[in-house]
């Protein structure tokens, strides 16, 4: 099991959903970085459960306890270790999953790989709860990037069939990103929030769940960050983004929408603007040949519907090796997309900082 990532900034995540605590260790941070802990707490709060009908009612305060690497709110250069206590668990709700795995969840392959010794409670180490340490690490990364003039922000692009307004990929403002990062329900067009919430509520009342897309932007990056082949910006960011539970698709710029286009319609042509080379459009999402081209980096992340739903589902009993019917108990998100926005921001910030270092 590998729970570490990074070349220059190394991050290791530990803990289980219903264990005593979760946390992370960040190695490679520069010394002397003053951290705004209020900003860290704000990002943690945006991800935390139990505050909205679109999320699980499990209430966790997600207060990070810094164990090392910070003195007087300033990084020391030593590994930054952080821990979050788990205080609101109902492990008994998961007892039947030891023998009857959830469809579309990690339960069955994890049972096989770890010979049944994996912690199934709340998903264990496979739980979305482990994104809390990622958000912490990302909040730190965002502050270091901001000192370099790089700002990261994201919005809910889609929930079910409801979409946020499209934005000009070549004209992403810092003000918009800062506003999105301050919202608990991050949308560009605030009038779509009610429709998105209605989509989630419809799924919840039908004992179901619904998926969606988070779109993330990074502005202020110079041209030439990253590299080709396996050092590509896309591959670096995607490897972190796919570490977020329920992520099933990642695309940059137009992504799959390139497939039915002609180059003459989607090539990002150049111009001289304010004495510098600039692109007239940004269909490639700010990345060419694996390297940033100076335009905003744009990445969209698709989340599948939460597999833990209250409707009865077909499964198998791993003890009797007979077909079985599964009725899932416990507290689960009818849609994880709103809470996933700060997680995607964090993943992108971590990846970009690693590349910048």
Foldseek 3Di string as FASTA:
>chain_A
DAQWDFDQWIKGWDWWQPDFKIWMKIANDDWFQQADVVLLLLLLVLQAALDDQLWWVQGFSLDKDWDDQADPRTGHNGITIIIGGDDGFDQVLCVQCLFWPFPPACSVVVCVVVVSPARPRCHIPLHLVRLSNLLSLLSVLQSVVVVLVKHKAKAFQDKAPQGADDDAQQDDDNVLRVVQSNDSHRGPDPVSPVVNVVSLVVQVVVLAAIKGKMKMKMADDAWDQFAADCRALVNLLVVLLVSRPQWDDKAWQQRPVCVPDDCVVQPFDWDQDPNHIDTPGQNRQQGDNSIGHNGMHMMMIIGGIDSQTQDKDWTAGNVVRGIDIDGRDDIGRSYSSSSCRSSSSSSSSVSRSSRVD
